[in-house]
Amino acid sequence: MLSTTDEEAGAMALMEFLLSPTAQEYFANETFEIPVIEGAELPVELPALDSLTLPEFDLNLLLDLQGTVDLLTEVGAL
């Protein structure tokens, strides 16, 4: 939430909804996003969040556009 908002109650309500089991299950089933809350049901196509491993590169390299391009080129994604 932005500290400059004039709609703090509305912003908080939106965040609470987006983190609700209903919304998280929708995102998992419709857009194949991994839920960020415990208890949301996953479709069989998605791995559990705790089963994922961290990448073996420094994520700080993604802070700038050229670093991101260089990293994607290095791993063969571009």
N, C-alpha and C. Protein backbone atom coordinates (compact mmCIF):
# COMPACT_ATOMS: atom_id res chain seq x y z
N MET A 1 0.85 -1.16 0.00
CA MET A 1 0.00 0.00 0.00
C MET A 1 0.90 1.23 0.00
N LEU A 2 0.57 2.18 -0.81
CA LEU A 2 1.34 3.42 -0.86
C LEU A 2 1.05 4.27 0.37
N SER A 3 2.08 4.85 0.91
CA SER A 3 1.90 5.70 2.09
C SER A 3 1.15 6.98 1.75
N THR A 4 1.06 7.31 0.47
CA THR A 4 0.39 8.55 0.06
C THR A 4 -1.10 8.36 -0.24
N THR A 5 -1.62 7.15 -0.02
CA THR A 5 -3.02 6.90 -0.36
C THR A 5 -3.98 7.70 0.51
N ASP A 6 -5.06 8.10 -0.11
CA ASP A 6 -6.17 8.71 0.62
C ASP A 6 -7.25 7.67 0.88
N GLU A 7 -7.04 6.45 0.43
CA GLU A 7 -8.02 5.37 0.52
C GLU A 7 -7.45 4.18 1.29
N GLU A 8 -6.92 4.43 2.49
CA GLU A 8 -6.27 3.37 3.25
C GLU A 8 -7.22 2.20 3.54
N ALA A 9 -8.45 2.49 3.90
CA ALA A 9 -9.40 1.41 4.22
C ALA A 9 -9.69 0.57 2.98
N GLY A 10 -9.87 1.21 1.85
CA GLY A 10 -10.14 0.49 0.61
C GLY A 10 -8.94 -0.33 0.17
N ALA A 11 -7.74 0.24 0.31
CA ALA A 11 -6.52 -0.48 -0.05
C ALA A 11 -6.34 -1.69 0.84
N MET A 12 -6.60 -1.55 2.13
CA MET A 12 -6.47 -2.67 3.07
C MET A 12 -7.51 -3.74 2.74
N ALA A 13 -8.71 -3.35 2.40
CA ALA A 13 -9.74 -4.32 2.04
C ALA A 13 -9.34 -5.10 0.79
N LEU A 14 -8.74 -4.41 -0.18
CA LEU A 14 -8.29 -5.08 -1.39
C LEU A 14 -7.19 -6.09 -1.07
N MET A 15 -6.21 -5.68 -0.25
CA MET A 15 -5.13 -6.60 0.11
C MET A 15 -5.66 -7.81 0.87
N GLU A 16 -6.61 -7.58 1.78
CA GLU A 16 -7.19 -8.70 2.53
C GLU A 16 -7.92 -9.66 1.59
N PHE A 17 -8.63 -9.11 0.59
CA PHE A 17 -9.31 -9.97 -0.37
C PHE A 17 -8.30 -10.75 -1.20
N LEU A 18 -7.27 -10.07 -1.72
CA LEU A 18 -6.28 -10.75 -2.57
C LEU A 18 -5.55 -11.86 -1.83
N LEU A 19 -5.46 -11.77 -0.51
CA LEU A 19 -4.80 -12.79 0.29
C LEU A 19 -5.79 -13.79 0.89
N SER A 20 -7.06 -13.71 0.51
CA SER A 20 -8.05 -14.65 1.02
C SER A 20 -7.94 -15.99 0.29
N PRO A 21 -8.36 -17.07 0.92
CA PRO A 21 -8.33 -18.38 0.25
C PRO A 21 -9.10 -18.37 -1.08
N THR A 22 -10.23 -17.68 -1.14
CA THR A 22 -11.02 -17.63 -2.38
C THR A 22 -10.21 -17.01 -3.52
N ALA A 23 -9.59 -15.87 -3.27
CA ALA A 23 -8.81 -15.19 -4.31
C ALA A 23 -7.57 -15.99 -4.66
N GLN A 24 -6.88 -16.53 -3.66
CA GLN A 24 -5.66 -17.29 -3.92
C GLN A 24 -5.96 -18.56 -4.73
N GLU A 25 -7.08 -19.22 -4.44
CA GLU A 25 -7.44 -20.40 -5.23
C GLU A 25 -7.83 -20.01 -6.65
N TYR A 26 -8.48 -18.86 -6.82
CA TYR A 26 -8.79 -18.38 -8.17
C TYR A 26 -7.49 -18.18 -8.96
N PHE A 27 -6.53 -17.45 -8.38
CA PHE A 27 -5.28 -17.20 -9.09
C PHE A 27 -4.54 -18.50 -9.39
N ALA A 28 -4.58 -19.46 -8.48
CA ALA A 28 -3.90 -20.74 -8.70
C ALA A 28 -4.55 -21.51 -9.85
N ASN A 29 -5.87 -21.52 -9.88
CA ASN A 29 -6.58 -22.33 -10.87
C ASN A 29 -6.77 -21.64 -12.22
N GLU A 30 -6.83 -20.34 -12.22
CA GLU A 30 -7.11 -19.63 -13.47
C GLU A 30 -5.87 -19.04 -14.12
N THR A 31 -4.91 -18.58 -13.33
CA THR A 31 -3.72 -17.96 -13.89
C THR A 31 -2.45 -18.73 -13.53
N PHE A 32 -2.62 -19.86 -12.85
CA PHE A 32 -1.52 -20.76 -12.47
C PHE A 32 -0.43 -20.06 -11.66
N GLU A 33 -0.85 -19.17 -10.75
CA GLU A 33 0.07 -18.55 -9.81
C GLU A 33 0.11 -19.41 -8.55
N ILE A 34 1.27 -19.50 -7.94
CA ILE A 34 1.41 -20.28 -6.71
C ILE A 34 0.86 -19.46 -5.56
N PRO A 35 -0.08 -20.00 -4.77
CA PRO A 35 -0.65 -19.24 -3.65
C PRO A 35 0.43 -18.85 -2.64
N VAL A 36 0.24 -17.71 -2.01
CA VAL A 36 1.18 -17.24 -1.00
C VAL A 36 0.64 -17.41 0.41
N ILE A 37 -0.50 -18.08 0.54
CA ILE A 37 -1.04 -18.37 1.87
C ILE A 37 -1.16 -19.87 2.03
N GLU A 38 -1.08 -20.33 3.27
CA GLU A 38 -1.26 -21.75 3.54
C GLU A 38 -2.74 -22.11 3.42
N GLY A 39 -3.00 -23.32 2.97
CA GLY A 39 -4.36 -23.83 2.93
C GLY A 39 -5.09 -23.64 1.62
N ALA A 40 -4.56 -22.83 0.71
CA ALA A 40 -5.22 -22.67 -0.59
C ALA A 40 -4.92 -23.91 -1.42
N GLU A 41 -5.94 -24.45 -2.06
CA GLU A 41 -5.76 -25.67 -2.85
C GLU A 41 -5.06 -25.35 -4.16
N LEU A 42 -4.11 -26.22 -4.51
CA LEU A 42 -3.35 -26.08 -5.74
C LEU A 42 -3.88 -27.02 -6.82
N PRO A 43 -3.92 -26.58 -8.07
CA PRO A 43 -4.18 -27.54 -9.14
C PRO A 43 -2.97 -28.47 -9.26
N VAL A 44 -3.15 -29.64 -9.82
CA VAL A 44 -2.07 -30.62 -9.89
C VAL A 44 -0.89 -30.12 -10.73
N GLU A 45 -1.12 -29.16 -11.61
CA GLU A 45 -0.05 -28.66 -12.46
C GLU A 45 0.96 -27.79 -11.72
N LEU A 46 0.60 -27.28 -10.55
CA LEU A 46 1.47 -26.37 -9.82
C LEU A 46 2.21 -27.09 -8.70
N PRO A 47 3.50 -26.80 -8.56
CA PRO A 47 4.24 -27.38 -7.43
C PRO A 47 3.92 -26.61 -6.14
N ALA A 48 4.09 -27.25 -5.02
CA ALA A 48 3.94 -26.55 -3.74
C ALA A 48 5.07 -25.54 -3.60
N LEU A 49 4.76 -24.41 -3.00
CA LEU A 49 5.75 -23.34 -2.87
C LEU A 49 7.01 -23.83 -2.15
N ASP A 50 6.85 -24.66 -1.13
CA ASP A 50 8.02 -25.12 -0.37
C ASP A 50 8.83 -26.18 -1.12
N SER A 51 8.36 -26.62 -2.28
CA SER A 51 9.11 -27.60 -3.06
C SER A 51 10.06 -26.94 -4.07
N LEU A 52 9.93 -25.63 -4.22
CA LEU A 52 10.77 -24.91 -5.19
C LEU A 52 12.14 -24.62 -4.60
N THR A 53 13.14 -24.62 -5.45
CA THR A 53 14.49 -24.28 -5.02
C THR A 53 14.86 -22.90 -5.54
N LEU A 54 15.70 -22.23 -4.80
CA LEU A 54 16.14 -20.90 -5.22
C LEU A 54 17.07 -21.01 -6.41
N PRO A 55 17.05 -20.02 -7.28
CA PRO A 55 17.97 -20.03 -8.41
C PRO A 55 19.41 -19.94 -7.93
N GLU A 56 20.32 -20.43 -8.75
CA GLU A 56 21.72 -20.43 -8.38
C GLU A 56 22.46 -19.21 -8.91
N PHE A 57 21.79 -18.09 -8.96
CA PHE A 57 22.45 -16.86 -9.36
C PHE A 57 22.00 -15.74 -8.43
N ASP A 58 22.77 -14.70 -8.41
CA ASP A 58 22.51 -13.57 -7.53
C ASP A 58 21.32 -12.77 -8.06
N LEU A 59 20.21 -12.80 -7.34
CA LEU A 59 19.02 -12.07 -7.79
C LEU A 59 19.23 -10.56 -7.82
N ASN A 60 20.25 -10.08 -7.14
CA ASN A 60 20.55 -8.64 -7.20
C ASN A 60 20.94 -8.21 -8.60
N LEU A 61 21.33 -9.16 -9.46
CA LEU A 61 21.66 -8.82 -10.85
C LEU A 61 20.42 -8.35 -11.62
N LEU A 62 19.23 -8.58 -11.06
CA LEU A 62 18.00 -8.18 -11.74
C LEU A 62 17.59 -6.75 -11.41
N LEU A 63 18.40 -6.03 -10.63
CA LEU A 63 18.03 -4.68 -10.22
C LEU A 63 18.07 -3.66 -11.35
N ASP A 64 18.82 -3.95 -12.39
CA ASP A 64 18.88 -3.00 -13.50
C ASP A 64 18.59 -3.75 -14.80
N LEU A 65 18.11 -3.03 -15.78
CA LEU A 65 17.70 -3.64 -17.04
C LEU A 65 18.86 -4.34 -17.73
N GLN A 66 20.01 -3.70 -17.83
CA GLN A 66 21.13 -4.32 -18.55
C GLN A 66 21.61 -5.57 -17.82
N GLY A 67 21.64 -5.54 -16.50
CA GLY A 67 22.02 -6.73 -15.74
C GLY A 67 21.06 -7.87 -15.99
N THR A 68 19.77 -7.57 -16.10
CA THR A 68 18.77 -8.59 -16.38
C THR A 68 18.97 -9.16 -17.78
N VAL A 69 19.19 -8.31 -18.76
CA VAL A 69 19.44 -8.76 -20.14
C VAL A 69 20.69 -9.64 -20.19
N ASP A 70 21.76 -9.20 -19.52
CA ASP A 70 23.00 -9.98 -19.49
C ASP A 70 22.77 -11.34 -18.87
N LEU A 71 22.02 -11.40 -17.76
CA LEU A 71 21.76 -12.67 -17.08
C LEU A 71 20.91 -13.59 -17.95
N LEU A 72 19.88 -13.07 -18.58
CA LEU A 72 19.03 -13.89 -19.45
C LEU A 72 19.82 -14.39 -20.65
N THR A 73 20.72 -13.58 -21.16
CA THR A 73 21.58 -14.00 -22.27
C THR A 73 22.52 -15.11 -21.81
N GLU A 74 23.08 -14.95 -20.63
CA GLU A 74 24.02 -15.94 -20.08
C GLU A 74 23.37 -17.31 -19.88
N VAL A 75 22.11 -17.34 -19.45
CA VAL A 75 21.45 -18.62 -19.21
C VAL A 75 20.74 -19.15 -20.46
N GLY A 76 20.82 -18.41 -21.57
CA GLY A 76 20.26 -18.88 -22.82
C GLY A 76 18.79 -18.58 -23.03
N ALA A 77 18.25 -17.67 -22.25
CA ALA A 77 16.83 -17.34 -22.38
C ALA A 77 16.59 -16.27 -23.44
N LEU A 78 17.64 -15.61 -23.88
CA LEU A 78 17.49 -14.60 -24.94
C LEU A 78 18.34 -14.97 -26.13
